[in-house]
Amino acid sequence: MKKKMNIWSFISSIICILLFVMVSFSGPIDYFIMGIHPLNLVLYITLITLFLGILGFSGIRDWKAMARSVTTIIITLGLSAFLAFIIFLGNLLS
């Protein structure tokens, strides 16, 4: 179970990057349909993935799993910090 969490958190971190690229390069989106800004949604998904990546450290059996966990933590921590910065500046300027 914990090994699967490690693998799925890594896959989810890659999906978070793809979602960020998709949201940032898309045109104007009607936010009233979703009820939440898409960057906020990506931030929430990234924070959940970060939590799952931290839990995935318990499923480490070899160096590949360790590299996968560390990569997941680095990707999601960096992306969540970047998204929080963007959202914070966007709220200041609006």
N, C-alpha and C. Protein backbone atom coordinates (compact mmCIF):
# COMPACT_ATOMS: atom_id res chain seq x y z
N MET A 1 0.82 -1.20 0.00
CA MET A 1 0.00 0.00 0.00
C MET A 1 0.86 1.25 0.00
N LYS A 2 1.86 1.27 0.86
CA LYS A 2 2.69 2.48 0.96
C LYS A 2 3.57 2.65 -0.27
N LYS A 3 3.96 1.53 -0.91
CA LYS A 3 4.72 1.64 -2.15
C LYS A 3 3.86 2.23 -3.25
N LYS A 4 2.59 1.84 -3.29
CA LYS A 4 1.68 2.39 -4.29
C LYS A 4 1.44 3.87 -4.03
N MET A 5 1.40 4.28 -2.77
CA MET A 5 1.23 5.69 -2.45
C MET A 5 2.43 6.49 -2.94
N ASN A 6 3.61 5.91 -2.82
CA ASN A 6 4.83 6.55 -3.30
C ASN A 6 4.77 6.76 -4.81
N ILE A 7 4.37 5.74 -5.52
CA ILE A 7 4.30 5.82 -6.99
C ILE A 7 3.20 6.79 -7.42
N TRP A 8 2.02 6.70 -6.78
CA TRP A 8 0.91 7.56 -7.19
C TRP A 8 1.15 9.02 -6.82
N SER A 9 1.86 9.27 -5.75
CA SER A 9 2.17 10.66 -5.42
C SER A 9 3.16 11.24 -6.43
N PHE A 10 4.08 10.42 -6.93
CA PHE A 10 4.99 10.89 -7.97
C PHE A 10 4.24 11.19 -9.26
N ILE A 11 3.34 10.31 -9.65
CA ILE A 11 2.54 10.54 -10.85
C ILE A 11 1.66 11.78 -10.67
N SER A 12 1.11 11.94 -9.49
CA SER A 12 0.27 13.10 -9.21
C SER A 12 1.07 14.40 -9.25
N SER A 13 2.34 14.37 -8.84
CA SER A 13 3.15 15.58 -8.92
C SER A 13 3.42 15.97 -10.37
N ILE A 14 3.60 15.00 -11.23
CA ILE A 14 3.76 15.29 -12.67
C ILE A 14 2.46 15.85 -13.23
N ILE A 15 1.33 15.31 -12.81
CA ILE A 15 0.03 15.81 -13.25
C ILE A 15 -0.18 17.24 -12.76
N CYS A 16 0.28 17.56 -11.56
CA CYS A 16 0.15 18.93 -11.04
C CYS A 16 0.92 19.92 -11.91
N ILE A 17 2.10 19.53 -12.35
CA ILE A 17 2.87 20.40 -13.23
C ILE A 17 2.13 20.60 -14.55
N LEU A 18 1.59 19.52 -15.09
CA LEU A 18 0.83 19.64 -16.34
C LEU A 18 -0.42 20.50 -16.18
N LEU A 19 -1.10 20.36 -15.04
CA LEU A 19 -2.27 21.21 -14.78
C LEU A 19 -1.87 22.68 -14.67
N PHE A 20 -0.75 22.95 -14.01
CA PHE A 20 -0.29 24.33 -13.89
C PHE A 20 0.02 24.92 -15.25
N VAL A 21 0.69 24.16 -16.10
CA VAL A 21 1.01 24.66 -17.44
C VAL A 21 -0.26 24.86 -18.24
N MET A 22 -1.20 23.94 -18.13
CA MET A 22 -2.45 24.05 -18.86
C MET A 22 -3.26 25.27 -18.41
N VAL A 23 -3.33 25.51 -17.10
CA VAL A 23 -4.09 26.64 -16.58
C VAL A 23 -3.40 27.95 -16.90
N SER A 24 -2.08 27.99 -16.80
CA SER A 24 -1.39 29.26 -17.00
C SER A 24 -1.34 29.68 -18.47
N PHE A 25 -1.36 28.73 -19.39
CA PHE A 25 -1.31 29.10 -20.80
C PHE A 25 -2.66 29.07 -21.49
N SER A 26 -3.72 28.81 -20.75
CA SER A 26 -5.05 28.85 -21.36
C SER A 26 -5.55 30.29 -21.36
N GLY A 27 -6.56 30.51 -22.13
CA GLY A 27 -7.14 31.84 -22.21
C GLY A 27 -7.97 32.16 -20.98
N PRO A 28 -8.68 33.27 -21.05
CA PRO A 28 -9.53 33.62 -19.90
C PRO A 28 -10.60 32.55 -19.67
N ILE A 29 -10.75 32.20 -18.41
CA ILE A 29 -11.70 31.15 -18.02
C ILE A 29 -12.79 31.80 -17.18
N ASP A 30 -14.03 31.36 -17.41
CA ASP A 30 -15.14 31.86 -16.61
C ASP A 30 -15.08 31.16 -15.25
N TYR A 31 -14.65 31.88 -14.22
CA TYR A 31 -14.44 31.29 -12.90
C TYR A 31 -15.73 31.02 -12.16
N PHE A 32 -16.83 31.61 -12.59
CA PHE A 32 -18.09 31.41 -11.90
C PHE A 32 -18.66 30.02 -12.16
N ILE A 33 -18.24 29.38 -13.22
CA ILE A 33 -18.70 28.03 -13.51
C ILE A 33 -18.13 27.06 -12.48
N MET A 34 -16.84 27.18 -12.19
CA MET A 34 -16.19 26.27 -11.25
C MET A 34 -16.37 26.72 -9.80
N GLY A 35 -16.51 28.00 -9.58
CA GLY A 35 -16.66 28.52 -8.24
C GLY A 35 -15.35 28.81 -7.53
N ILE A 36 -14.25 28.44 -8.13
CA ILE A 36 -12.93 28.68 -7.54
C ILE A 36 -11.95 28.97 -8.67
N HIS A 37 -10.97 29.79 -8.38
CA HIS A 37 -9.97 30.12 -9.39
C HIS A 37 -9.15 28.86 -9.70
N PRO A 38 -8.85 28.60 -10.97
CA PRO A 38 -8.12 27.37 -11.32
C PRO A 38 -6.74 27.26 -10.67
N LEU A 39 -6.06 28.37 -10.45
CA LEU A 39 -4.75 28.29 -9.79
C LEU A 39 -4.90 27.89 -8.33
N ASN A 40 -5.98 28.33 -7.68
CA ASN A 40 -6.24 27.88 -6.32
C ASN A 40 -6.50 26.37 -6.29
N LEU A 41 -7.23 25.88 -7.27
CA LEU A 41 -7.50 24.46 -7.35
C LEU A 41 -6.22 23.66 -7.55
N VAL A 42 -5.35 24.14 -8.42
CA VAL A 42 -4.06 23.46 -8.63
C VAL A 42 -3.22 23.51 -7.35
N LEU A 43 -3.27 24.62 -6.62
CA LEU A 43 -2.54 24.72 -5.36
C LEU A 43 -3.06 23.70 -4.35
N TYR A 44 -4.35 23.54 -4.24
CA TYR A 44 -4.92 22.57 -3.30
C TYR A 44 -4.53 21.14 -3.68
N ILE A 45 -4.58 20.84 -4.97
CA ILE A 45 -4.18 19.50 -5.43
C ILE A 45 -2.70 19.27 -5.16
N THR A 46 -1.88 20.30 -5.36
CA THR A 46 -0.45 20.18 -5.10
C THR A 46 -0.17 19.97 -3.62
N LEU A 47 -0.89 20.64 -2.75
CA LEU A 47 -0.69 20.45 -1.32
C LEU A 47 -1.11 19.04 -0.87
N ILE A 48 -2.16 18.52 -1.45
CA ILE A 48 -2.57 17.14 -1.15
C ILE A 48 -1.50 16.17 -1.63
N THR A 49 -0.94 16.42 -2.81
CA THR A 49 0.12 15.58 -3.33
C THR A 49 1.37 15.66 -2.47
N LEU A 50 1.67 16.85 -1.94
CA LEU A 50 2.80 17.00 -1.04
C LEU A 50 2.60 16.16 0.22
N PHE A 51 1.41 16.19 0.77
CA PHE A 51 1.11 15.38 1.95
C PHE A 51 1.24 13.89 1.64
N LEU A 52 0.73 13.46 0.49
CA LEU A 52 0.86 12.05 0.10
C LEU A 52 2.31 11.67 -0.16
N GLY A 53 3.09 12.61 -0.69
CA GLY A 53 4.51 12.35 -0.90
C GLY A 53 5.27 12.18 0.40
N ILE A 54 4.89 12.96 1.41
CA ILE A 54 5.51 12.80 2.73
C ILE A 54 5.12 11.45 3.33
N LEU A 55 3.86 11.06 3.16
CA LEU A 55 3.44 9.74 3.63
C LEU A 55 4.11 8.62 2.84
N GLY A 56 4.46 8.89 1.59
CA GLY A 56 5.12 7.89 0.75
C GLY A 56 6.54 7.57 1.18
N PHE A 57 7.12 8.40 2.05
CA PHE A 57 8.46 8.10 2.56
C PHE A 57 8.47 6.79 3.36
N SER A 58 7.34 6.41 3.90
CA SER A 58 7.30 5.19 4.70
C SER A 58 7.36 3.93 3.83
N GLY A 59 7.11 4.06 2.53
CA GLY A 59 7.14 2.91 1.64
C GLY A 59 8.45 2.74 0.91
N ILE A 60 9.52 3.31 1.43
CA ILE A 60 10.82 3.25 0.75
C ILE A 60 11.47 1.90 1.02
N ARG A 61 11.82 1.21 -0.06
CA ARG A 61 12.51 -0.08 0.05
C ARG A 61 13.89 -0.05 -0.61
N ASP A 62 14.08 0.79 -1.61
CA ASP A 62 15.36 0.85 -2.31
C ASP A 62 15.65 2.28 -2.74
N TRP A 63 16.74 2.47 -3.47
CA TRP A 63 17.16 3.82 -3.84
C TRP A 63 16.22 4.45 -4.87
N LYS A 64 15.55 3.64 -5.67
CA LYS A 64 14.61 4.19 -6.66
C LYS A 64 13.41 4.84 -5.97
N ALA A 65 12.92 4.16 -4.96
CA ALA A 65 11.79 4.72 -4.21
C ALA A 65 12.20 5.98 -3.47
N MET A 66 13.43 6.00 -2.96
CA MET A 66 13.93 7.20 -2.28
C MET A 66 14.05 8.36 -3.26
N ALA A 67 14.57 8.09 -4.45
CA ALA A 67 14.69 9.15 -5.46
C ALA A 67 13.32 9.65 -5.89
N ARG A 68 12.37 8.73 -6.01
CA ARG A 68 11.01 9.11 -6.38
C ARG A 68 10.37 9.98 -5.30
N SER A 69 10.56 9.63 -4.05
CA SER A 69 9.98 10.41 -2.95
C SER A 69 10.60 11.79 -2.84
N VAL A 70 11.92 11.85 -2.95
CA VAL A 70 12.59 13.14 -2.85
C VAL A 70 12.20 14.03 -4.02
N THR A 71 12.11 13.45 -5.21
CA THR A 71 11.70 14.21 -6.39
C THR A 71 10.27 14.73 -6.23
N THR A 72 9.39 13.90 -5.71
CA THR A 72 8.01 14.32 -5.47
C THR A 72 7.94 15.48 -4.50
N ILE A 73 8.69 15.40 -3.40
CA ILE A 73 8.69 16.46 -2.40
C ILE A 73 9.24 17.75 -2.99
N ILE A 74 10.33 17.66 -3.72
CA ILE A 74 10.94 18.86 -4.31
C ILE A 74 9.99 19.51 -5.32
N ILE A 75 9.40 18.70 -6.20
CA ILE A 75 8.49 19.23 -7.22
C ILE A 75 7.28 19.90 -6.57
N THR A 76 6.63 19.21 -5.65
CA THR A 76 5.40 19.75 -5.08
C THR A 76 5.66 20.92 -4.14
N LEU A 77 6.77 20.89 -3.41
CA LEU A 77 7.09 22.01 -2.54
C LEU A 77 7.41 23.26 -3.36
N GLY A 78 8.19 23.08 -4.42
CA GLY A 78 8.50 24.22 -5.29
C GLY A 78 7.28 24.76 -6.00
N LEU A 79 6.44 23.87 -6.51
CA LEU A 79 5.25 24.31 -7.22
C LEU A 79 4.25 24.98 -6.28
N SER A 80 4.10 24.45 -5.08
CA SER A 80 3.16 25.07 -4.15
C SER A 80 3.66 26.43 -3.68
N ALA A 81 4.96 26.58 -3.48
CA ALA A 81 5.50 27.89 -3.10
C ALA A 81 5.32 28.89 -4.25
N PHE A 82 5.57 28.46 -5.47
CA PHE A 82 5.41 29.32 -6.63
C PHE A 82 3.95 29.72 -6.82
N LEU A 83 3.05 28.76 -6.68
CA LEU A 83 1.62 29.07 -6.82
C LEU A 83 1.14 30.00 -5.72
N ALA A 84 1.60 29.78 -4.49
CA ALA A 84 1.19 30.65 -3.39
C ALA A 84 1.69 32.08 -3.64
N PHE A 85 2.88 32.21 -4.16
CA PHE A 85 3.43 33.53 -4.49
C PHE A 85 2.61 34.21 -5.58
N ILE A 86 2.28 33.47 -6.62
CA ILE A 86 1.48 34.03 -7.72
C ILE A 86 0.10 34.44 -7.24
N ILE A 87 -0.54 33.60 -6.45
CA ILE A 87 -1.88 33.91 -5.95
C ILE A 87 -1.85 35.08 -5.01
N PHE A 88 -0.82 35.16 -4.15
CA PHE A 88 -0.69 36.27 -3.23
C PHE A 88 -0.50 37.59 -3.97
N LEU A 89 0.38 37.62 -4.98
CA LEU A 89 0.59 38.85 -5.75
C LEU A 89 -0.66 39.19 -6.57
N GLY A 90 -1.34 38.18 -7.08
CA GLY A 90 -2.57 38.42 -7.83
C GLY A 90 -3.65 39.03 -6.98
N ASN A 91 -3.73 38.60 -5.72
CA ASN A 91 -4.72 39.18 -4.81
C ASN A 91 -4.35 40.59 -4.41
N LEU A 92 -3.06 40.87 -4.32
CA LEU A 92 -2.64 42.24 -3.99
C LEU A 92 -2.92 43.21 -5.12
N LEU A 93 -2.77 42.75 -6.35
CA LEU A 93 -2.95 43.63 -7.50
C LEU A 93 -4.39 43.77 -7.95
N SER A 94 -5.27 42.93 -7.46
CA SER A 94 -6.67 43.03 -7.92
C SER A 94 -7.53 43.81 -6.96
